[in-house]
C-alpha atoms as a PDB file:
ATOM      1  CA  MET A   1      99.633 129.595  87.306  1.00  0.00           C
ATOM      2  CA  LYS A   2     101.851 132.603  86.755  1.00  0.00           C
ATOM      3  CA  LYS A   3     101.485 133.608  90.421  1.00  0.00           C
ATOM      4  CA  LYS A   4     102.603 130.132  91.528  1.00  0.00           C
ATOM      5  CA  MET A   5     105.569 130.216  89.197  1.00  0.00           C
ATOM      6  CA  ILE A   6     106.591 133.665  90.468  1.00  0.00           C
ATOM      7  CA  GLU A   7     106.358 132.463  94.051  1.00  0.00           C
ATOM      8  CA  TRP A   8     108.505 129.448  93.182  1.00  0.00           C
ATOM      9  CA  VAL A   9     111.193 131.515  91.482  1.00  0.00           C
ATOM     10  CA  ASP A  10     111.246 133.974  94.376  1.00  0.00           C
ATOM     11  CA  ARG A  11     111.539 131.161  96.907  1.00  0.00           C
ATOM     12  CA  VAL A  12     114.361 129.186  95.305  1.00  0.00           C
ATOM     13  CA  GLU A  13     117.854 130.575  95.693  1.00  0.00           C
ATOM     14  CA  GLY A  14     120.300 129.651  92.915  1.00  0.00           C
ATOM     15  CA  THR A  15     119.505 127.375  90.067  1.00  0.00           C
ATOM     16  CA  ILE A  16     115.943 126.158  89.608  1.00  0.00           C
ATOM     17  CA  GLU A  17     115.420 122.517  88.572  1.00  0.00           C
ATOM     18  CA  ALA A  18     112.471 122.624  86.244  1.00  0.00           C
ATOM     19  CA  LEU A  19     110.467 120.173  84.135  1.00  0.00           C
ATOM     20  CA  PRO A  20     110.605 120.888  80.366  1.00  0.00           C
ATOM     21  CA  GLU A  21     107.165 122.541  80.455  1.00  0.00           C
ATOM     22  CA  GLU A  22     108.053 124.667  83.419  1.00  0.00           C
ATOM     23  CA  MET A  23     111.328 125.745  81.871  1.00  0.00           C
ATOM     24  CA  GLU A  24     109.624 126.848  78.694  1.00  0.00           C
ATOM     25  CA  TYR A  25     106.986 128.743  80.710  1.00  0.00           C
ATOM     26  CA  LEU A  26     109.598 130.472  82.833  1.00  0.00           C
ATOM     27  CA  LEU A  27     111.594 131.534  79.822  1.00  0.00           C
ATOM     28  CA  GLN A  28     108.574 132.632  77.707  1.00  0.00           C
ATOM     29  CA  ASN A  29     107.288 134.825  80.565  1.00  0.00           C
ATOM     30  CA  ASP A  30     110.802 136.219  81.438  1.00  0.00           C
ATOM     31  CA  LEU A  31     110.545 134.846  84.932  1.00  0.00           C
ATOM     32  CA  LYS A  32     114.036 133.378  84.949  1.00  0.00           C
ATOM     33  CA  SER A  33     117.048 133.463  82.768  1.00  0.00           C
ATOM     34  CA  PRO A  34     118.373 130.341  80.999  1.00  0.00           C
ATOM     35  CA  GLU A  35     121.507 130.411  83.178  1.00  0.00           C
ATOM     36  CA  GLY A  36     119.370 130.035  86.306  1.00  0.00           C
ATOM     37  CA  LEU A  37     117.563 126.899  85.053  1.00  0.00           C
ATOM     38  CA  THR A  38     118.422 123.238  84.912  1.00  0.00           C
ATOM     39  CA  ILE A  39     116.107 120.818  83.165  1.00  0.00           C
ATOM     40  CA  ILE A  40     115.082 117.637  85.023  1.00  0.00           C
ATOM     41  CA  ASP A  41     112.949 114.626  84.208  1.00  0.00           C
ATOM     42  CA  PHE A  42     109.636 113.770  85.868  1.00  0.00           C
ATOM     43  CA  LYS A  43     111.106 111.009  88.037  1.00  0.00           C
ATOM     44  CA  THR A  44     113.628 113.397  89.473  1.00  0.00           C
ATOM     45  CA  ALA A  45     110.878 115.997  90.113  1.00  0.00           C
ATOM     46  CA  LEU A  46     109.066 113.377  92.215  1.00  0.00           C
ATOM     47  CA  SER A  47     112.058 112.466  94.359  1.00  0.00           C
ATOM     48  CA  GLN A  48     110.471 114.186  97.428  1.00  0.00           C
ATOM     49  CA  ALA A  49     106.897 113.200  96.568  1.00  0.00           C
ATOM     50  CA  VAL A  50     104.448 111.409  98.820  1.00  0.00           C
ATOM     51  CA  VAL A  51     103.348 108.151  97.199  1.00  0.00           C
ATOM     52  CA  GLU A  52     100.749 105.970  98.819  1.00  0.00           C
ATOM     53  CA  ARG A  53      98.893 102.805  97.817  1.00  0.00           C
ATOM     54  CA  CYS A  54      95.580 102.652  99.654  1.00  0.00           C
ATOM     55  CA  ASP A  55      92.459 100.530  99.954  1.00  0.00           C
ATOM     56  CA  LYS A  56      89.564 102.174  98.014  1.00  0.00           C
ATOM     57  CA  GLU A  57      86.897 101.167 100.464  1.00  0.00           C
ATOM     58  CA  THR A  58      88.571 102.182 103.743  1.00  0.00           C
ATOM     59  CA  GLU A  59      91.249 104.572 102.397  1.00  0.00           C
ATOM     60  CA  GLU A  60      93.710 102.805 104.686  1.00  0.00           C
ATOM     61  CA  LEU A  61      97.378 102.894 103.719  1.00  0.00           C
ATOM     62  CA  ILE A  62      98.577  99.575 102.256  1.00  0.00           C
ATOM     63  CA  ALA A  63     102.096 100.713 101.501  1.00  0.00           C
ATOM     64  CA  ASP A  64     104.011 103.897 100.718  1.00  0.00           C
ATOM     65  CA  GLY A  65     107.078 104.553  98.632  1.00  0.00           C
ATOM     66  CA  HIS A  66     108.059 105.162  95.073  1.00  0.00           C
ATOM     67  CA  ALA A  67     108.431 101.535  94.024  1.00  0.00           C
ATOM     68  CA  ILE A  68     104.790 101.320  92.976  1.00  0.00           C
ATOM     69  CA  LEU A  69     105.412 104.008  90.275  1.00  0.00           C
ATOM     70  CA  ASP A  70     107.364 101.404  88.302  1.00  0.00           C
ATOM     71  CA  GLU A  71     104.363  99.083  88.011  1.00  0.00           C
ATOM     72  CA  PRO A  72     102.403  99.138  84.745  1.00  0.00           C
ATOM     73  CA  VAL A  73      99.007 100.865  84.793  1.00  0.00           C
ATOM     74  CA  ARG A  74      97.310  97.465  84.482  1.00  0.00           C
ATOM     75  CA  TYR A  75      98.258  96.986  88.174  1.00  0.00           C
ATOM     76  CA  LEU A  76      95.112  98.997  88.928  1.00  0.00           C
ATOM     77  CA  LYS A  77      93.045  96.512  86.914  1.00  0.00           C
ATOM     78  CA  GLU A  78      94.658  93.549  88.631  1.00  0.00           C
ATOM     79  CA  ASN A  79      94.129  95.213  92.037  1.00  0.00           C
ATOM     80  CA  PRO A  80      90.806  97.093  91.604  1.00  0.00           C
ATOM     81  CA  GLU A  81      90.435  97.489  95.356  1.00  0.00           C
ATOM     82  CA  HIS A  82      93.571  99.781  95.459  1.00  0.00           C
ATOM     83  CA  PHE A  83      94.237 103.330  94.354  1.00  0.00           C
ATOM     84  CA  VAL A  84      97.621 105.106  94.190  1.00  0.00           C
ATOM     85  CA  TYR A  85      97.862 108.636  95.553  1.00  0.00           C
ATOM     86  CA  LEU A  86     100.732 111.006  94.665  1.00  0.00           C
ATOM     87  CA  GLU A  87     101.364 114.454  96.132  1.00  0.00           C
ATOM     88  CA  ALA A  88     104.308 116.494  94.655  1.00  0.00           C
ATOM     89  CA  GLU A  89     105.533 120.093  94.557  1.00  0.00           C
ATOM     90  CA  CYS A  90     105.281 120.204  90.705  1.00  0.00           C
ATOM     91  CA  PHE A  91     101.517 119.471  91.106  1.00  0.00           C
ATOM     92  CA  GLU A  92     101.117 122.421  93.485  1.00  0.00           C
ATOM     93  CA  ARG A  93     102.567 124.716  90.843  1.00  0.00           C
ATOM     94  CA  VAL A  94      99.730 123.858  88.529  1.00  0.00           C
ATOM     95  CA  GLY A  95      97.130 124.154  91.256  1.00  0.00           C
ATOM     96  CA  VAL A  96      96.718 120.540  92.242  1.00  0.00           C
ATOM     97  CA  ASP A  97      97.466 119.144  95.740  1.00  0.00           C
ATOM     98  CA  GLY A  98      97.596 115.495  94.753  1.00  0.00           C
ATOM     99  CA  ILE A  99      96.346 113.040  92.177  1.00  0.00           C
ATOM    100  CA  SER A 100      94.820 109.557  92.698  1.00  0.00           C
ATOM    101  CA  LEU A 101      94.867 106.881  89.978  1.00  0.00           C
ATOM    102  CA  GLU A 102      92.381 104.044  90.162  1.00  0.00           C
ATOM    103  CA  MET A 103      90.256 101.595  88.199  1.00  0.00           C
ATOM    104  CA  ASN A 104      86.645 102.787  87.818  1.00  0.00           C
ATOM    105  CA  ASP A 105      84.489 100.016  89.278  1.00  0.00           C
ATOM    106  CA  VAL A 106      81.477 100.837  87.094  1.00  0.00           C
ATOM    107  CA  PHE A 107      82.965 101.595  83.637  1.00  0.00           C
ATOM    108  CA  HIS A 108      86.166  99.512  84.066  1.00  0.00           C
ATOM    109  CA  THR A 109      88.309 102.399  82.818  1.00  0.00           C
ATOM    110  CA  TYR A 110      91.377 103.944  84.404  1.00  0.00           C
ATOM    111  CA  GLY A 111      90.763 107.214  86.118  1.00  0.00           C
ATOM    112  CA  ALA A 112      92.713 110.180  87.561  1.00  0.00           C
ATOM    113  CA  LEU A 113      90.990 112.026  90.394  1.00  0.00           C
ATOM    114  CA  LEU A 114      92.136 115.477  91.493  1.00  0.00           C
ATOM    115  CA  GLY A 115      91.089 118.824  92.827  1.00  0.00           C
ATOM    116  CA  LEU A 116      91.948 121.742  90.472  1.00  0.00           C
ATOM    117  CA  LYS A 117      92.442 125.108  92.016  1.00  0.00           C
ATOM    118  CA  LEU A 118      90.756 127.444  89.577  1.00  0.00           C
ATOM    119  CA  GLN A 119      88.041 129.942  90.082  1.00  0.00           C
ATOM    120  CA  LYS A 120      84.493 128.908  89.368  1.00  0.00           C
ATOM    121  CA  LYS A 121      84.277 131.472  86.529  1.00  0.00           C
ATOM    122  CA  PHE A 122      86.637 129.317  84.475  1.00  0.00           C
ATOM    123  CA  GLY A 123      84.166 126.420  84.256  1.00  0.00           C
ATOM    124  CA  PRO A 124      83.218 127.004  80.611  1.00  0.00           C
ATOM    125  CA  GLU A 125      86.850 127.211  79.530  1.00  0.00           C
ATOM    126  CA  ILE A 126      87.790 124.071  81.430  1.00  0.00           C
ATOM    127  CA  LYS A 127      84.874 122.135  79.880  1.00  0.00           C
ATOM    128  CA  GLU A 128      85.738 123.365  76.427  1.00  0.00           C
ATOM    129  CA  ILE A 129      89.368 122.323  76.722  1.00  0.00           C
ATOM    130  CA  LEU A 130      88.503 118.932  78.199  1.00  0.00           C
ATOM    131  CA  GLY A 131      85.832 118.264  75.560  1.00  0.00           C
ATOM    132  CA  GLU A 132      88.203 119.177  72.724  1.00  0.00           C
ATOM    133  CA  THR A 133      91.308 117.375  74.046  1.00  0.00           C
ATOM    134  CA  LEU A 134      89.913 114.084  75.317  1.00  0.00           C
ATOM    135  CA  ALA A 135      88.971 111.295  72.922  1.00  0.00           C
ATOM    136  CA  ASN A 136      85.269 111.011  73.963  1.00  0.00           C
ATOM    137  CA  GLY A 137      84.601 114.634  74.761  1.00  0.00           C
ATOM    138  CA  GLU A 138      82.226 115.132  77.622  1.00  0.00           C
ATOM    139  CA  ASP A 139      82.082 111.408  78.298  1.00  0.00           C
ATOM    140  CA  SER A 140      85.829 111.422  79.152  1.00  0.00           C
ATOM    141  CA  TYR A 141      85.524 113.376  82.326  1.00  0.00           C
ATOM    142  CA  GLU A 142      83.406 114.441  85.324  1.00  0.00           C
ATOM    143  CA  LEU A 143      83.798 117.982  86.554  1.00  0.00           C
ATOM    144  CA  LEU A 144      82.086 119.569  89.534  1.00  0.00           C
ATOM    145  CA  PHE A 145      82.832 122.778  91.363  1.00  0.00           C
ATOM    146  CA  ASN A 146      83.211 122.208  95.090  1.00  0.00           C
ATOM    147  CA  GLY A 147      82.163 125.501  96.725  1.00  0.00           C
ATOM    148  CA  GLU A 148      83.231 124.218 100.121  1.00  0.00           C
ATOM    149  CA  ASP A 149      86.857 123.789  99.083  1.00  0.00           C
ATOM    150  CA  GLY A 150      86.769 126.357  96.274  1.00  0.00           C
ATOM    151  CA  LEU A 151      88.148 123.960  93.713  1.00  0.00           C
ATOM    152  CA  TRP A 152      87.057 121.808  90.828  1.00  0.00           C
ATOM    153  CA  ASP A 153      86.732 118.104  91.498  1.00  0.00           C
ATOM    154  CA  LEU A 154      87.929 116.510  88.272  1.00  0.00           C
ATOM    155  CA  ASN A 155      87.801 112.890  87.253  1.00  0.00           C
ATOM    156  CA  LEU A 156      89.629 112.160  84.022  1.00  0.00           C
ATOM    157  CA  THR A 157      89.280 108.922  82.038  1.00  0.00           C
ATOM    158  CA  LEU A 158      92.912 108.000  81.321  1.00  0.00           C
ATOM    159  CA  ASN A 159      91.831 105.647  78.530  1.00  0.00           C
ATOM    160  CA  ASP A 160      90.667 108.666  76.556  1.00  0.00           C
ATOM    161  CA  MET A 161      93.891 110.614  76.869  1.00  0.00           C
ATOM    162  CA  ARG A 162      96.335 110.731  73.913  1.00  0.00           C
ATOM    163  CA  GLY A 163      99.217 108.408  74.632  1.00  0.00           C
ATOM    164  CA  PHE A 164      97.423 106.089  77.073  1.00  0.00           C
ATOM    165  CA  SER A 165      98.646 102.474  77.311  1.00  0.00           C
ATOM    166  CA  GLU A 166      98.066  99.794  79.872  1.00  0.00           C
ATOM    167  CA  GLU A 167     101.717  98.913  79.470  1.00  0.00           C
ATOM    168  CA  ALA A 168     102.889 102.353  80.525  1.00  0.00           C
ATOM    169  CA  THR A 169     104.051 102.680  84.076  1.00  0.00           C
ATOM    170  CA  LEU A 170     102.121 104.569  86.798  1.00  0.00           C
ATOM    171  CA  LEU A 171     104.941 107.097  86.728  1.00  0.00           C
ATOM    172  CA  GLU A 172     104.346 107.678  83.078  1.00  0.00           C
ATOM    173  CA  MET A 173     100.639 108.107  83.720  1.00  0.00           C
ATOM    174  CA  TYR A 174     101.262 110.687  86.372  1.00  0.00           C
ATOM    175  CA  GLU A 175     103.515 112.498  84.015  1.00  0.00           C
ATOM    176  CA  MET A 176     100.851 112.418  81.353  1.00  0.00           C
ATOM    177  CA  VAL A 177      98.232 113.818  83.744  1.00  0.00           C
ATOM    178  CA  TYR A 178     100.648 116.502  84.944  1.00  0.00           C
ATOM    179  CA  GLN A 179     101.373 117.582  81.350  1.00  0.00           C
ATOM    180  CA  PHE A 180      97.676 117.615  80.589  1.00  0.00           C
ATOM    181  CA  ILE A 181      96.913 119.854  83.584  1.00  0.00           C
ATOM    182  CA  PHE A 182      99.835 122.096  82.744  1.00  0.00           C
ATOM    183  CA  PHE A 183      98.414 122.444  79.202  1.00  0.00           C
ATOM    184  CA  LEU A 184      94.967 123.174  80.628  1.00  0.00           C
ATOM    185  CA  ARG A 185      96.235 125.852  83.003  1.00  0.00           C
ATOM    186  CA  PHE A 186      98.442 127.429  80.343  1.00  0.00           C
ATOM    187  CA  THR A 187      95.591 127.513  77.822  1.00  0.00           C
ATOM    188  CA  ILE A 188      93.198 129.128  80.291  1.00  0.00           C
ATOM    189  CA  GLU A 189      95.798 131.691  81.337  1.00  0.00           C
END
C-alpha cells in the first residue's frame, strides 16, 4: 500500500484530496505535509467512479450512473438478479480494481466480491485478520488465490461486518468495504 500511496503523492501536483484514512496514513508515514492535504468525504472521492448495475446471469449492463448508490442495500434483496459494480481510484490505492455488491442466491446474505492485489505469501495474515474481524469468522468470507491473475479473490459477507444495516445506502456499504480493506492492508503492512 505504501508504494501506491507514494505513487499517488508523486503524481498529484498541488493539494491532495484524501479520505480520512488516507490522510492519516500519509501524515503518519511522512509522505505529505498537512498543508498539502484536503480531507474529502467518500461520496466526493467517487465523483469520477464507474458505477454499473448489471444482470447477474448475463453480466449485461442494465444502467450506469451514481444514482443507484443512494438506494438502500435491501435493493439487492428486492432485485436479486442484479449486482452493482463500482470502480474508483481510491480502491486502486488499496490494491482493488473494483467491487461488486450482490445478494448471495444460496445463503441469502449480502456479499462484496473483489480481487485483492496482495502476494500469495500474505494468505495466512489475510485469513487471520478476516477471521478475527468478521462476526462469523471463517464462515464470513471466501478467499482463494488466483495464480492466473496474481490476486486474491475475496467474497465478504456484508451481514457479518460491524456496522452493517439493510437500511444503509449502497454508498455507505461501499465505504464500509473500502475502510475494511484499508484496515486489512494497513494491518498487513
